[in-house]
Amino acid sequence: MAKEPKIKPIKPLVLDIDLESHGAFSALFRRFGFGSEELSVDMLRQLLSHERARMIHVIRTQKPGSIYFLAKALGRDFKAVKKDILLLKKFNVVDLEEAKYKARKKLKPVLKITGLQVNLNF
């Protein structure tokens, strides 16, 4: 009997935001490695954009073998998709697995989470 491959458990990404404390969004973004020059409330809105939600859905359902194939499945420009993937990677939503294809290496996007939960504490 063959051994089953070990699968890393994935969990929902939970963001707790306390709106009473000063600089709550700043602390959240600093925790994810964004410098003070990049901080804005727009970053959270960008994470939750329609295009990125579509991208996450395609990664989950179609499991594209590379960023190139993801861009083709979405009907979007490769450069724009790569930029979005790098932002999702920074937020720990996706990971990029390196794989070889002939003499080239490719980066396969893989989901690291099962969902996204944002808690706003007033």
PDB file of N, CA and C in Angstrom:
ATOM      1  N   MET A   1       0.850  -1.182   0.000  1.00  0.00           N
ATOM      2  CA  MET A   1       0.000   0.000   0.000  1.00  0.00           C
ATOM      3  C   MET A   1       0.896   1.247   0.000  1.00  0.00           C
ATOM      4  N   ALA A   2       0.655   2.136  -0.907  1.00  0.00           N
ATOM      5  CA  ALA A   2       1.458   3.357  -1.040  1.00  0.00           C
ATOM      6  C   ALA A   2       1.078   4.358   0.046  1.00  0.00           C
ATOM      7  N   LYS A   3       2.088   5.071   0.517  1.00  0.00           N
ATOM      8  CA  LYS A   3       1.835   6.102   1.530  1.00  0.00           C
ATOM      9  C   LYS A   3       1.184   7.310   0.885  1.00  0.00           C
ATOM     10  N   GLU A   4       0.233   7.904   1.595  1.00  0.00           N
ATOM     11  CA  GLU A   4      -0.399   9.125   1.103  1.00  0.00           C
ATOM     12  C   GLU A   4       0.548  10.294   1.335  1.00  0.00           C
ATOM     13  N   PRO A   5       0.634  11.218   0.391  1.00  0.00           N
ATOM     14  CA  PRO A   5       1.521  12.375   0.585  1.00  0.00           C
ATOM     15  C   PRO A   5       1.011  13.241   1.724  1.00  0.00           C
ATOM     16  N   LYS A   6       1.948  13.806   2.476  1.00  0.00           N
ATOM     17  CA  LYS A   6       1.572  14.705   3.570  1.00  0.00           C
ATOM     18  C   LYS A   6       1.070  16.015   2.978  1.00  0.00           C
ATOM     19  N   ILE A   7      -0.094  16.428   3.417  1.00  0.00           N
ATOM     20  CA  ILE A   7      -0.686  17.674   2.945  1.00  0.00           C
ATOM     21  C   ILE A   7      -0.688  18.656   4.091  1.00  0.00           C
ATOM     22  N   LYS A   8      -0.122  19.830   3.840  1.00  0.00           N
ATOM     23  CA  LYS A   8      -0.119  20.869   4.867  1.00  0.00           C
ATOM     24  C   LYS A   8      -1.541  21.396   5.034  1.00  0.00           C
ATOM     25  N   PRO A   9      -2.040  21.425   6.266  1.00  0.00           N
ATOM     26  CA  PRO A   9      -3.392  21.957   6.452  1.00  0.00           C
ATOM     27  C   PRO A   9      -3.414  23.457   6.169  1.00  0.00           C
ATOM     28  N   ILE A  10      -4.460  23.891   5.474  1.00  0.00           N
ATOM     29  CA  ILE A  10      -4.615  25.309   5.217  1.00  0.00           C
ATOM     30  C   ILE A  10      -5.790  25.819   6.023  1.00  0.00           C
ATOM     31  N   LYS A  11      -5.693  27.059   6.467  1.00  0.00           N
ATOM     32  CA  LYS A  11      -6.703  27.644   7.338  1.00  0.00           C
ATOM     33  C   LYS A  11      -7.182  28.960   6.750  1.00  0.00           C
ATOM     34  N   PRO A  12      -8.312  29.449   7.276  1.00  0.00           N
ATOM     35  CA  PRO A  12      -8.742  30.779   6.830  1.00  0.00           C
ATOM     36  C   PRO A  12      -7.791  31.848   7.355  1.00  0.00           C
ATOM     37  N   LEU A  13      -7.611  32.903   6.595  1.00  0.00           N
ATOM     38  CA  LEU A  13      -6.832  34.056   7.033  1.00  0.00           C
ATOM     39  C   LEU A  13      -7.773  34.953   7.815  1.00  0.00           C
ATOM     40  N   VAL A  14      -7.441  35.234   9.051  1.00  0.00           N
ATOM     41  CA  VAL A  14      -8.292  36.058   9.910  1.00  0.00           C
ATOM     42  C   VAL A  14      -7.570  37.368  10.193  1.00  0.00           C
ATOM     43  N   LEU A  15      -8.216  38.476   9.874  1.00  0.00           N
ATOM     44  CA  LEU A  15      -7.678  39.802  10.143  1.00  0.00           C
ATOM     45  C   LEU A  15      -8.568  40.467  11.176  1.00  0.00           C
ATOM     46  N   ASP A  16      -8.061  40.688  12.383  1.00  0.00           N
ATOM     47  CA  ASP A  16      -8.797  41.397  13.419  1.00  0.00           C
ATOM     48  C   ASP A  16      -8.360  42.852  13.399  1.00  0.00           C
ATOM     49  N   ILE A  17      -9.297  43.743  13.197  1.00  0.00           N
ATOM     50  CA  ILE A  17      -8.999  45.169  13.108  1.00  0.00           C
ATOM     51  C   ILE A  17      -9.770  45.892  14.197  1.00  0.00           C
ATOM     52  N   ASP A  18      -9.049  46.520  15.114  1.00  0.00           N
ATOM     53  CA  ASP A  18      -9.664  47.272  16.195  1.00  0.00           C
ATOM     54  C   ASP A  18      -9.753  48.727  15.768  1.00  0.00           C
ATOM     55  N   LEU A  19     -10.955  49.185  15.481  1.00  0.00           N
ATOM     56  CA  LEU A  19     -11.133  50.542  14.961  1.00  0.00           C
ATOM     57  C   LEU A  19     -11.071  51.604  16.044  1.00  0.00           C
ATOM     58  N   GLU A  20     -11.047  51.209  17.315  1.00  0.00           N
ATOM     59  CA  GLU A  20     -10.961  52.193  18.393  1.00  0.00           C
ATOM     60  C   GLU A  20      -9.534  52.672  18.614  1.00  0.00           C
ATOM     61  N   SER A  21      -8.559  51.817  18.352  1.00  0.00           N
ATOM     62  CA  SER A  21      -7.177  52.221  18.599  1.00  0.00           C
ATOM     63  C   SER A  21      -6.641  53.015  17.418  1.00  0.00           C
ATOM     64  N   HIS A  22      -5.816  53.991  17.714  1.00  0.00           N
ATOM     65  CA  HIS A  22      -5.225  54.842  16.684  1.00  0.00           C
ATOM     66  C   HIS A  22      -4.207  54.030  15.890  1.00  0.00           C
ATOM     67  N   GLY A  23      -4.270  54.110  14.588  1.00  0.00           N
ATOM     68  CA  GLY A  23      -3.294  53.430  13.742  1.00  0.00           C
ATOM     69  C   GLY A  23      -3.540  51.947  13.593  1.00  0.00           C
ATOM     70  N   ALA A  24      -4.786  51.487  13.743  1.00  0.00           N
ATOM     71  CA  ALA A  24      -5.079  50.057  13.652  1.00  0.00           C
ATOM     72  C   ALA A  24      -4.697  49.498  12.287  1.00  0.00           C
ATOM     73  N   PHE A  25      -5.037  50.208  11.220  1.00  0.00           N
ATOM     74  CA  PHE A  25      -4.677  49.732   9.892  1.00  0.00           C
ATOM     75  C   PHE A  25      -3.166  49.736   9.710  1.00  0.00           C
ATOM     76  N   SER A  26      -2.502  50.743  10.261  1.00  0.00           N
ATOM     77  CA  SER A  26      -1.044  50.795  10.148  1.00  0.00           C
ATOM     78  C   SER A  26      -0.409  49.576  10.794  1.00  0.00           C
ATOM     79  N   ALA A  27      -0.904  49.190  11.973  1.00  0.00           N
ATOM     80  CA  ALA A  27      -0.355  48.020  12.660  1.00  0.00           C
ATOM     81  C   ALA A  27      -0.615  46.751  11.844  1.00  0.00           C
ATOM     82  N   LEU A  28      -1.784  46.653  11.248  1.00  0.00           N
ATOM     83  CA  LEU A  28      -2.120  45.492  10.429  1.00  0.00           C
ATOM     84  C   LEU A  28      -1.161  45.377   9.250  1.00  0.00           C
ATOM     85  N   PHE A  29      -0.954  46.467   8.530  1.00  0.00           N
ATOM     86  CA  PHE A  29      -0.097  46.418   7.355  1.00  0.00           C
ATOM     87  C   PHE A  29       1.370  46.214   7.734  1.00  0.00           C
ATOM     88  N   ARG A  30       1.807  46.789   8.858  1.00  0.00           N
ATOM     89  CA  ARG A  30       3.177  46.569   9.307  1.00  0.00           C
ATOM     90  C   ARG A  30       3.403  45.091   9.611  1.00  0.00           C
ATOM     91  N   ARG A  31       2.365  44.430  10.165  1.00  0.00           N
ATOM     92  CA  ARG A  31       2.475  43.007  10.486  1.00  0.00           C
ATOM     93  C   ARG A  31       2.696  42.187   9.214  1.00  0.00           C
ATOM     94  N   PHE A  32       2.161  42.637   8.077  1.00  0.00           N
ATOM     95  CA  PHE A  32       2.335  41.928   6.821  1.00  0.00           C
ATOM     96  C   PHE A  32       3.533  42.430   6.035  1.00  0.00           C
ATOM     97  N   GLY A  33       4.363  43.275   6.638  1.00  0.00           N
ATOM     98  CA  GLY A  33       5.612  43.667   6.014  1.00  0.00           C
ATOM     99  C   GLY A  33       5.554  44.878   5.106  1.00  0.00           C
ATOM    100  N   PHE A  34       4.481  45.662   5.164  1.00  0.00           N
ATOM    101  CA  PHE A  34       4.414  46.869   4.350  1.00  0.00           C
ATOM    102  C   PHE A  34       5.069  48.009   5.116  1.00  0.00           C
ATOM    103  N   GLY A  35       5.966  48.746   4.454  1.00  0.00           N
ATOM    104  CA  GLY A  35       6.630  49.872   5.087  1.00  0.00           C
ATOM    105  C   GLY A  35       5.694  51.047   5.272  1.00  0.00           C
ATOM    106  N   SER A  36       6.087  52.007   6.072  1.00  0.00           N
ATOM    107  CA  SER A  36       5.217  53.142   6.370  1.00  0.00           C
ATOM    108  C   SER A  36       4.899  53.975   5.132  1.00  0.00           C
ATOM    109  N   GLU A  37       5.795  53.973   4.115  1.00  0.00           N
ATOM    110  CA  GLU A  37       5.522  54.754   2.911  1.00  0.00           C
ATOM    111  C   GLU A  37       4.402  54.128   2.079  1.00  0.00           C
ATOM    112  N   GLU A  38       4.071  52.859   2.315  1.00  0.00           N
ATOM    113  CA  GLU A  38       3.048  52.179   1.533  1.00  0.00           C
ATOM    114  C   GLU A  38       1.712  52.071   2.273  1.00  0.00           C
ATOM    115  N   LEU A  39       1.648  52.514   3.517  1.00  0.00           N
ATOM    116  CA  LEU A  39       0.459  52.293   4.332  1.00  0.00           C
ATOM    117  C   LEU A  39      -0.728  53.122   3.864  1.00  0.00           C
ATOM    118  N   SER A  40      -1.864  52.455   3.729  1.00  0.00           N
ATOM    119  CA  SER A  40      -3.106  53.156   3.451  1.00  0.00           C
ATOM    120  C   SER A  40      -4.258  52.181   3.632  1.00  0.00           C
ATOM    121  N   VAL A  41      -5.428  52.705   3.863  1.00  0.00           N
ATOM    122  CA  VAL A  41      -6.628  51.881   3.976  1.00  0.00           C
ATOM    123  C   VAL A  41      -6.925  51.233   2.630  1.00  0.00           C
ATOM    124  N   ASP A  42      -6.464  51.839   1.561  1.00  0.00           N
ATOM    125  CA  ASP A  42      -6.683  51.287   0.228  1.00  0.00           C
ATOM    126  C   ASP A  42      -6.048  49.914   0.039  1.00  0.00           C
ATOM    127  N   MET A  43      -4.998  49.604   0.794  1.00  0.00           N
ATOM    128  CA  MET A  43      -4.351  48.307   0.663  1.00  0.00           C
ATOM    129  C   MET A  43      -5.322  47.174   0.987  1.00  0.00           C
ATOM    130  N   LEU A  44      -6.121  47.320   2.035  1.00  0.00           N
ATOM    131  CA  LEU A  44      -7.094  46.289   2.380  1.00  0.00           C
ATOM    132  C   LEU A  44      -8.159  46.187   1.286  1.00  0.00           C
ATOM    133  N   ARG A  45      -8.583  47.323   0.758  1.00  0.00           N
ATOM    134  CA  ARG A  45      -9.568  47.327  -0.318  1.00  0.00           C
ATOM    135  C   ARG A  45      -8.996  46.650  -1.566  1.00  0.00           C
ATOM    136  N   GLN A  46      -7.731  46.885  -1.834  1.00  0.00           N
ATOM    137  CA  GLN A  46      -7.093  46.256  -2.990  1.00  0.00           C
ATOM    138  C   GLN A  46      -7.031  44.743  -2.821  1.00  0.00           C
ATOM    139  N   LEU A  47      -6.758  44.295  -1.600  1.00  0.00           N
ATOM    140  CA  LEU A  47      -6.701  42.861  -1.334  1.00  0.00           C
ATOM    141  C   LEU A  47      -8.052  42.226  -1.635  1.00  0.00           C
ATOM    142  N   LEU A  48      -9.126  42.959  -1.396  1.00  0.00           N
ATOM    143  CA  LEU A  48     -10.471  42.425  -1.560  1.00  0.00           C
ATOM    144  C   LEU A  48     -11.104  42.817  -2.900  1.00  0.00           C
ATOM    145  N   SER A  49     -10.308  43.102  -3.917  1.00  0.00           N
ATOM    146  CA  SER A  49     -10.850  43.528  -5.210  1.00  0.00           C
ATOM    147  C   SER A  49     -11.527  42.372  -5.944  1.00  0.00           C
ATOM    148  N   HIS A  50     -12.377  42.721  -6.891  1.00  0.00           N
ATOM    149  CA  HIS A  50     -13.105  41.727  -7.681  1.00  0.00           C
ATOM    150  C   HIS A  50     -12.137  40.856  -8.491  1.00  0.00           C
ATOM    151  N   GLU A  51     -11.142  41.463  -9.108  1.00  0.00           N
ATOM    152  CA  GLU A  51     -10.194  40.703  -9.940  1.00  0.00           C
ATOM    153  C   GLU A  51      -9.395  39.706  -9.111  1.00  0.00           C
ATOM    154  N   ARG A  52      -8.993  40.091  -7.912  1.00  0.00           N
ATOM    155  CA  ARG A  52      -8.239  39.160  -7.065  1.00  0.00           C
ATOM    156  C   ARG A  52      -9.134  38.033  -6.557  1.00  0.00           C
ATOM    157  N   ALA A  53     -10.398  38.334  -6.298  1.00  0.00           N
ATOM    158  CA  ALA A  53     -11.342  37.285  -5.902  1.00  0.00           C
ATOM    159  C   ALA A  53     -11.518  36.281  -7.047  1.00  0.00           C
ATOM    160  N   ARG A  54     -11.623  36.786  -8.278  1.00  0.00           N
ATOM    161  CA  ARG A  54     -11.700  35.916  -9.458  1.00  0.00           C
ATOM    162  C   ARG A  54     -10.449  35.050  -9.584  1.00  0.00           C
ATOM    163  N   MET A  55      -9.307  35.686  -9.334  1.00  0.00           N
ATOM    164  CA  MET A  55      -8.033  34.982  -9.422  1.00  0.00           C
ATOM    165  C   MET A  55      -7.971  33.837  -8.406  1.00  0.00           C
ATOM    166  N   ILE A  56      -8.378  34.114  -7.179  1.00  0.00           N
ATOM    167  CA  ILE A  56      -8.381  33.086  -6.130  1.00  0.00           C
ATOM    168  C   ILE A  56      -9.310  31.940  -6.521  1.00  0.00           C
ATOM    169  N   HIS A  57     -10.466  32.278  -7.090  1.00  0.00           N
ATOM    170  CA  HIS A  57     -11.416  31.248  -7.518  1.00  0.00           C
ATOM    171  C   HIS A  57     -10.809  30.353  -8.599  1.00  0.00           C
ATOM    172  N   VAL A  58     -10.140  30.952  -9.582  1.00  0.00           N
ATOM    173  CA  VAL A  58      -9.530  30.171 -10.665  1.00  0.00           C
ATOM    174  C   VAL A  58      -8.404  29.293 -10.120  1.00  0.00           C
ATOM    175  N   ILE A  59      -7.611  29.813  -9.201  1.00  0.00           N
ATOM    176  CA  ILE A  59      -6.530  29.007  -8.603  1.00  0.00           C
ATOM    177  C   ILE A  59      -7.126  27.808  -7.869  1.00  0.00           C
ATOM    178  N   ARG A  60      -8.209  28.049  -7.146  1.00  0.00           N
ATOM    179  CA  ARG A  60      -8.831  26.971  -6.363  1.00  0.00           C
ATOM    180  C   ARG A  60      -9.488  25.930  -7.260  1.00  0.00           C
ATOM    181  N   THR A  61     -10.179  26.362  -8.298  1.00  0.00           N
ATOM    182  CA  THR A  61     -10.953  25.420  -9.106  1.00  0.00           C
ATOM    183  C   THR A  61     -10.165  24.810 -10.265  1.00  0.00           C
ATOM    184  N   GLN A  62      -9.337  25.601 -10.952  1.00  0.00           N
ATOM    185  CA  GLN A  62      -8.641  25.104 -12.143  1.00  0.00           C
ATOM    186  C   GLN A  62      -7.205  24.672 -11.875  1.00  0.00           C
ATOM    187  N   LYS A  63      -6.628  25.101 -10.751  1.00  0.00           N
ATOM    188  CA  LYS A  63      -5.258  24.760 -10.373  1.00  0.00           C
ATOM    189  C   LYS A  63      -4.273  24.948 -11.535  1.00  0.00           C
ATOM    190  N   PRO A  64      -4.112  26.200 -12.021  1.00  0.00           N
ATOM    191  CA  PRO A  64      -3.204  26.440 -13.154  1.00  0.00           C
ATOM    192  C   PRO A  64      -1.763  26.092 -12.787  1.00  0.00           C
ATOM    193  N   GLY A  65      -1.022  25.605 -13.765  1.00  0.00           N
ATOM    194  CA  GLY A  65       0.343  25.156 -13.534  1.00  0.00           C
ATOM    195  C   GLY A  65       1.379  26.260 -13.465  1.00  0.00           C
ATOM    196  N   SER A  66       0.991  27.499 -13.798  1.00  0.00           N
ATOM    197  CA  SER A  66       1.930  28.616 -13.743  1.00  0.00           C
ATOM    198  C   SER A  66       1.149  29.927 -13.746  1.00  0.00           C
ATOM    199  N   ILE A  67       1.862  31.017 -13.494  1.00  0.00           N
ATOM    200  CA  ILE A  67       1.239  32.339 -13.544  1.00  0.00           C
ATOM    201  C   ILE A  67       0.777  32.633 -14.971  1.00  0.00           C
ATOM    202  N   TYR A  68       1.536  32.168 -15.953  1.00  0.00           N
ATOM    203  CA  TYR A  68       1.170  32.361 -17.358  1.00  0.00           C
ATOM    204  C   TYR A  68      -0.187  31.718 -17.657  1.00  0.00           C
ATOM    205  N   PHE A  69      -0.369  30.462 -17.214  1.00  0.00           N
ATOM    206  CA  PHE A  69      -1.637  29.771 -17.469  1.00  0.00           C
ATOM    207  C   PHE A  69      -2.783  30.407 -16.680  1.00  0.00           C
ATOM    208  N   LEU A  70      -2.478  30.952 -15.510  1.00  0.00           N
ATOM    209  CA  LEU A  70      -3.488  31.679 -14.738  1.00  0.00           C
ATOM    210  C   LEU A  70      -3.938  32.913 -15.512  1.00  0.00           C
ATOM    211  N   ALA A  71      -2.993  33.661 -16.069  1.00  0.00           N
ATOM    212  CA  ALA A  71      -3.324  34.853 -16.855  1.00  0.00           C
ATOM    213  C   ALA A  71      -4.177  34.485 -18.068  1.00  0.00           C
ATOM    214  N   LYS A  72      -3.846  33.372 -18.728  1.00  0.00           N
ATOM    215  CA  LYS A  72      -4.636  32.917 -19.881  1.00  0.00           C
ATOM    216  C   LYS A  72      -6.058  32.552 -19.448  1.00  0.00           C
ATOM    217  N   ALA A  73      -6.202  31.853 -18.321  1.00  0.00           N
ATOM    218  CA  ALA A  73      -7.526  31.450 -17.828  1.00  0.00           C
ATOM    219  C   ALA A  73      -8.377  32.660 -17.455  1.00  0.00           C
ATOM    220  N   LEU A  74      -7.723  33.713 -16.963  1.00  0.00           N
ATOM    221  CA  LEU A  74      -8.441  34.926 -16.576  1.00  0.00           C
ATOM    222  C   LEU A  74      -8.672  35.871 -17.748  1.00  0.00           C
ATOM    223  N   GLY A  75      -7.934  35.682 -18.840  1.00  0.00           N
ATOM    224  CA  GLY A  75      -8.022  36.598 -19.972  1.00  0.00           C
ATOM    225  C   GLY A  75      -7.431  37.958 -19.641  1.00  0.00           C
ATOM    226  N   ARG A  76      -6.378  37.950 -18.822  1.00  0.00           N
ATOM    227  CA  ARG A  76      -5.726  39.190 -18.386  1.00  0.00           C
ATOM    228  C   ARG A  76      -4.274  39.194 -18.809  1.00  0.00           C
ATOM    229  N   ASP A  77      -3.664  40.367 -18.766  1.00  0.00           N
ATOM    230  CA  ASP A  77      -2.256  40.559 -19.083  1.00  0.00           C
ATOM    231  C   ASP A  77      -1.386  39.863 -18.031  1.00  0.00           C
ATOM    232  N   PHE A  78      -0.340  39.168 -18.489  1.00  0.00           N
ATOM    233  CA  PHE A  78       0.552  38.431 -17.592  1.00  0.00           C
ATOM    234  C   PHE A  78       1.149  39.336 -16.517  1.00  0.00           C
ATOM    235  N   LYS A  79       1.604  40.516 -16.921  1.00  0.00           N
ATOM    236  CA  LYS A  79       2.268  41.436 -15.986  1.00  0.00           C
ATOM    237  C   LYS A  79       1.312  41.862 -14.860  1.00  0.00           C
ATOM    238  N   ALA A  80       0.052  42.132 -15.197  1.00  0.00           N
ATOM    239  CA  ALA A  80      -0.940  42.527 -14.189  1.00  0.00           C
ATOM    240  C   ALA A  80      -1.245  41.371 -13.237  1.00  0.00           C
ATOM    241  N   VAL A  81      -1.342  40.172 -13.785  1.00  0.00           N
ATOM    242  CA  VAL A  81      -1.620  38.994 -12.957  1.00  0.00           C
ATOM    243  C   VAL A  81      -0.454  38.730 -12.009  1.00  0.00           C
ATOM    244  N   LYS A  82       0.765  38.858 -12.509  1.00  0.00           N
ATOM    245  CA  LYS A  82       1.940  38.631 -11.658  1.00  0.00           C
ATOM    246  C   LYS A  82       1.980  39.647 -10.518  1.00  0.00           C
ATOM    247  N   LYS A  83       1.649  40.896 -10.808  1.00  0.00           N
ATOM    248  CA  LYS A  83       1.618  41.926  -9.775  1.00  0.00           C
ATOM    249  C   LYS A  83       0.580  41.571  -8.700  1.00  0.00           C
ATOM    250  N   ASP A  84      -0.601  41.120  -9.125  1.00  0.00           N
ATOM    251  CA  ASP A  84      -1.638  40.722  -8.183  1.00  0.00           C
ATOM    252  C   ASP A  84      -1.215  39.507  -7.365  1.00  0.00           C
ATOM    253  N   ILE A  85      -0.573  38.543  -8.004  1.00  0.00           N
ATOM    254  CA  ILE A  85      -0.110  37.341  -7.304  1.00  0.00           C
ATOM    255  C   ILE A  85       0.912  37.712  -6.234  1.00  0.00           C
ATOM    256  N   LEU A  86       1.824  38.631  -6.556  1.00  0.00           N
ATOM    257  CA  LEU A  86       2.839  39.034  -5.578  1.00  0.00           C
ATOM    258  C   LEU A  86       2.207  39.740  -4.381  1.00  0.00           C
ATOM    259  N   LEU A  87       1.145  40.526  -4.609  1.00  0.00           N
ATOM    260  CA  LEU A  87       0.438  41.152  -3.493  1.00  0.00           C
ATOM    261  C   LEU A  87      -0.262  40.090  -2.642  1.00  0.00           C
ATOM    262  N   LEU A  88      -0.919  39.128  -3.285  1.00  0.00           N
ATOM    263  CA  LEU A  88      -1.575  38.046  -2.537  1.00  0.00           C
ATOM    264  C   LEU A  88      -0.553  37.215  -1.772  1.00  0.00           C
ATOM    265  N   LYS A  89       0.630  37.052  -2.345  1.00  0.00           N
ATOM    266  CA  LYS A  89       1.707  36.324  -1.653  1.00  0.00           C
ATOM    267  C   LYS A  89       2.165  37.095  -0.424  1.00  0.00           C
ATOM    268  N   LYS A  90       2.251  38.404  -0.538  1.00  0.00           N
ATOM    269  CA  LYS A  90       2.673  39.237   0.582  1.00  0.00           C
ATOM    270  C   LYS A  90       1.683  39.149   1.749  1.00  0.00           C
ATOM    271  N   PHE A  91       0.404  38.983   1.425  1.00  0.00           N
ATOM    272  CA  PHE A  91      -0.636  38.829   2.446  1.00  0.00           C
ATOM    273  C   PHE A  91      -0.802  37.365   2.870  1.00  0.00           C
ATOM    274  N   ASN A  92       0.061  36.468   2.411  1.00  0.00           N
ATOM    275  CA  ASN A  92       0.017  35.036   2.733  1.00  0.00           C
ATOM    276  C   ASN A  92      -1.264  34.355   2.282  1.00  0.00           C
ATOM    277  N   VAL A  93      -1.841  34.811   1.184  1.00  0.00           N
ATOM    278  CA  VAL A  93      -3.036  34.186   0.623  1.00  0.00           C
ATOM    279  C   VAL A  93      -2.630  33.072  -0.334  1.00  0.00           C
ATOM    280  N   VAL A  94      -1.579  33.297  -1.124  1.00  0.00           N
ATOM    281  CA  VAL A  94      -1.069  32.282  -2.048  1.00  0.00           C
ATOM    282  C   VAL A  94       0.413  32.071  -1.808  1.00  0.00           C
ATOM    283  N   ASP A  95       0.899  30.963  -2.313  1.00  0.00           N
ATOM    284  CA  ASP A  95       2.328  30.675  -2.293  1.00  0.00           C
ATOM    285  C   ASP A  95       2.714  30.313  -3.727  1.00  0.00           C
ATOM    286  N   LEU A  96       3.961  30.485  -4.061  1.00  0.00           N
ATOM    287  CA  LEU A  96       4.447  30.153  -5.400  1.00  0.00           C
ATOM    288  C   LEU A  96       5.391  28.966  -5.300  1.00  0.00           C
ATOM    289  N   GLU A  97       4.989  27.846  -5.895  1.00  0.00           N
ATOM    290  CA  GLU A  97       5.826  26.649  -5.912  1.00  0.00           C
ATOM    291  C   GLU A  97       6.633  26.639  -7.199  1.00  0.00           C
ATOM    292  N   GLU A  98       7.911  26.376  -7.061  1.00  0.00           N
ATOM    293  CA  GLU A  98       8.794  26.337  -8.224  1.00  0.00           C
ATOM    294  C   GLU A  98       8.736  24.953  -8.856  1.00  0.00           C
ATOM    295  N   ALA A  99       8.564  24.908 -10.157  1.00  0.00           N
ATOM    296  CA  ALA A  99       8.538  23.647 -10.900  1.00  0.00           C
ATOM    297  C   ALA A  99       9.318  23.829 -12.187  1.00  0.00           C
ATOM    298  N   LYS A 100       9.880  22.723 -12.685  1.00  0.00           N
ATOM    299  CA  LYS A 100      10.644  22.792 -13.934  1.00  0.00           C
ATOM    300  C   LYS A 100       9.779  22.318 -15.089  1.00  0.00           C
ATOM    301  N   TYR A 101       9.902  23.023 -16.192  1.00  0.00           N
ATOM    302  CA  TYR A 101       9.232  22.659 -17.432  1.00  0.00           C
ATOM    303  C   TYR A 101      10.278  22.730 -18.527  1.00  0.00           C
ATOM    304  N   LYS A 102      10.714  21.571 -19.003  1.00  0.00           N
ATOM    305  CA  LYS A 102      11.817  21.462 -19.960  1.00  0.00           C
ATOM    306  C   LYS A 102      13.039  22.148 -19.349  1.00  0.00           C
ATOM    307  N   ALA A 103      13.617  23.127 -20.000  1.00  0.00           N
ATOM    308  CA  ALA A 103      14.811  23.796 -19.479  1.00  0.00           C
ATOM    309  C   ALA A 103      14.458  25.036 -18.656  1.00  0.00           C
ATOM    310  N   ARG A 104      13.168  25.338 -18.521  1.00  0.00           N
ATOM    311  CA  ARG A 104      12.736  26.549 -17.820  1.00  0.00           C
ATOM    312  C   ARG A 104      12.125  26.191 -16.477  1.00  0.00           C
ATOM    313  N   LYS A 105      12.114  27.175 -15.595  1.00  0.00           N
ATOM    314  CA  LYS A 105      11.397  26.965 -14.344  1.00  0.00           C
ATOM    315  C   LYS A 105      10.167  27.869 -14.339  1.00  0.00           C
ATOM    316  N   LYS A 106       9.122  27.379 -13.722  1.00  0.00           N
ATOM    317  CA  LYS A 106       7.883  28.155 -13.666  1.00  0.00           C
ATOM    318  C   LYS A 106       7.412  28.228 -12.228  1.00  0.00           C
ATOM    319  N   LEU A 107       6.600  29.229 -11.944  1.00  0.00           N
ATOM    320  CA  LEU A 107       6.056  29.419 -10.605  1.00  0.00           C
ATOM    321  C   LEU A 107       4.571  29.093 -10.637  1.00  0.00           C
ATOM    322  N   LYS A 108       4.193  28.096  -9.841  1.00  0.00           N
ATOM    323  CA  LYS A 108       2.801  27.651  -9.791  1.00  0.00           C
ATOM    324  C   LYS A 108       2.128  28.283  -8.570  1.00  0.00           C
ATOM    325  N   PRO A 109       1.038  29.054  -8.778  1.00  0.00           N
ATOM    326  CA  PRO A 109       0.324  29.639  -7.640  1.00  0.00           C
ATOM    327  C   PRO A 109      -0.506  28.581  -6.917  1.00  0.00           C
ATOM    328  N   VAL A 110      -0.372  28.549  -5.583  1.00  0.00           N
ATOM    329  CA  VAL A 110      -1.090  27.588  -4.749  1.00  0.00           C
ATOM    330  C   VAL A 110      -1.718  28.352  -3.594  1.00  0.00           C
ATOM    331  N   LEU A 111      -2.997  28.094  -3.320  1.00  0.00           N
ATOM    332  CA  LEU A 111      -3.670  28.759  -2.202  1.00  0.00           C
ATOM    333  C   LEU A 111      -3.124  28.276  -0.869  1.00  0.00           C
ATOM    334  N   LYS A 112      -2.952  29.207   0.062  1.00  0.00           N
ATOM    335  CA  LYS A 112      -2.498  28.868   1.403  1.00  0.00           C
ATOM    336  C   LYS A 112      -3.637  28.958   2.424  1.00  0.00           C
ATOM    337  N   ILE A 113      -4.783  29.459   1.999  1.00  0.00           N
ATOM    338  CA  ILE A 113      -5.893  29.661   2.931  1.00  0.00           C
ATOM    339  C   ILE A 113      -7.169  29.031   2.377  1.00  0.00           C
ATOM    340  N   THR A 114      -8.136  28.827   3.261  1.00  0.00           N
ATOM    341  CA  THR A 114      -9.433  28.293   2.835  1.00  0.00           C
ATOM    342  C   THR A 114     -10.485  29.387   2.761  1.00  0.00           C
ATOM    343  N   GLY A 115     -10.224  30.526   3.358  1.00  0.00           N
ATOM    344  CA  GLY A 115     -11.182  31.619   3.357  1.00  0.00           C
ATOM    345  C   GLY A 115     -10.537  32.866   3.930  1.00  0.00           C
ATOM    346  N   LEU A 116     -11.304  33.933   3.937  1.00  0.00           N
ATOM    347  CA  LEU A 116     -10.835  35.211   4.488  1.00  0.00           C
ATOM    348  C   LEU A 116     -11.903  35.752   5.411  1.00  0.00           C
ATOM    349  N   GLN A 117     -11.524  36.019   6.623  1.00  0.00           N
ATOM    350  CA  GLN A 117     -12.454  36.553   7.605  1.00  0.00           C
ATOM    351  C   GLN A 117     -11.891  37.860   8.134  1.00  0.00           C
ATOM    352  N   VAL A 118     -12.636  38.935   7.987  1.00  0.00           N
ATOM    353  CA  VAL A 118     -12.214  40.237   8.485  1.00  0.00           C
ATOM    354  C   VAL A 118     -13.152  40.627   9.619  1.00  0.00           C
ATOM    355  N   ASN A 119     -12.607  40.818  10.810  1.00  0.00           N
ATOM    356  CA  ASN A 119     -13.386  41.219  11.971  1.00  0.00           C
ATOM    357  C   ASN A 119     -13.115  42.674  12.261  1.00  0.00           C
ATOM    358  N   LEU A 120     -14.143  43.498  12.236  1.00  0.00           N
ATOM    359  CA  LEU A 120     -14.011  44.914  12.581  1.00  0.00           C
ATOM    360  C   LEU A 120     -14.549  45.092  13.991  1.00  0.00           C
ATOM    361  N   ASN A 121     -13.683  45.486  14.911  1.00  0.00           N
ATOM    362  CA  ASN A 121     -14.079  45.692  16.306  1.00  0.00           C
ATOM    363  C   ASN A 121     -14.275  47.164  16.566  1.00  0.00           C
ATOM    364  N   PHE A 122     -15.464  47.539  16.964  1.00  0.00           N
ATOM    365  CA  PHE A 122     -15.792  48.943  17.234  1.00  0.00           C
ATOM    366  C   PHE A 122     -15.742  49.243  18.711  1.00  0.00           C
TER     367      PHE A 122
END
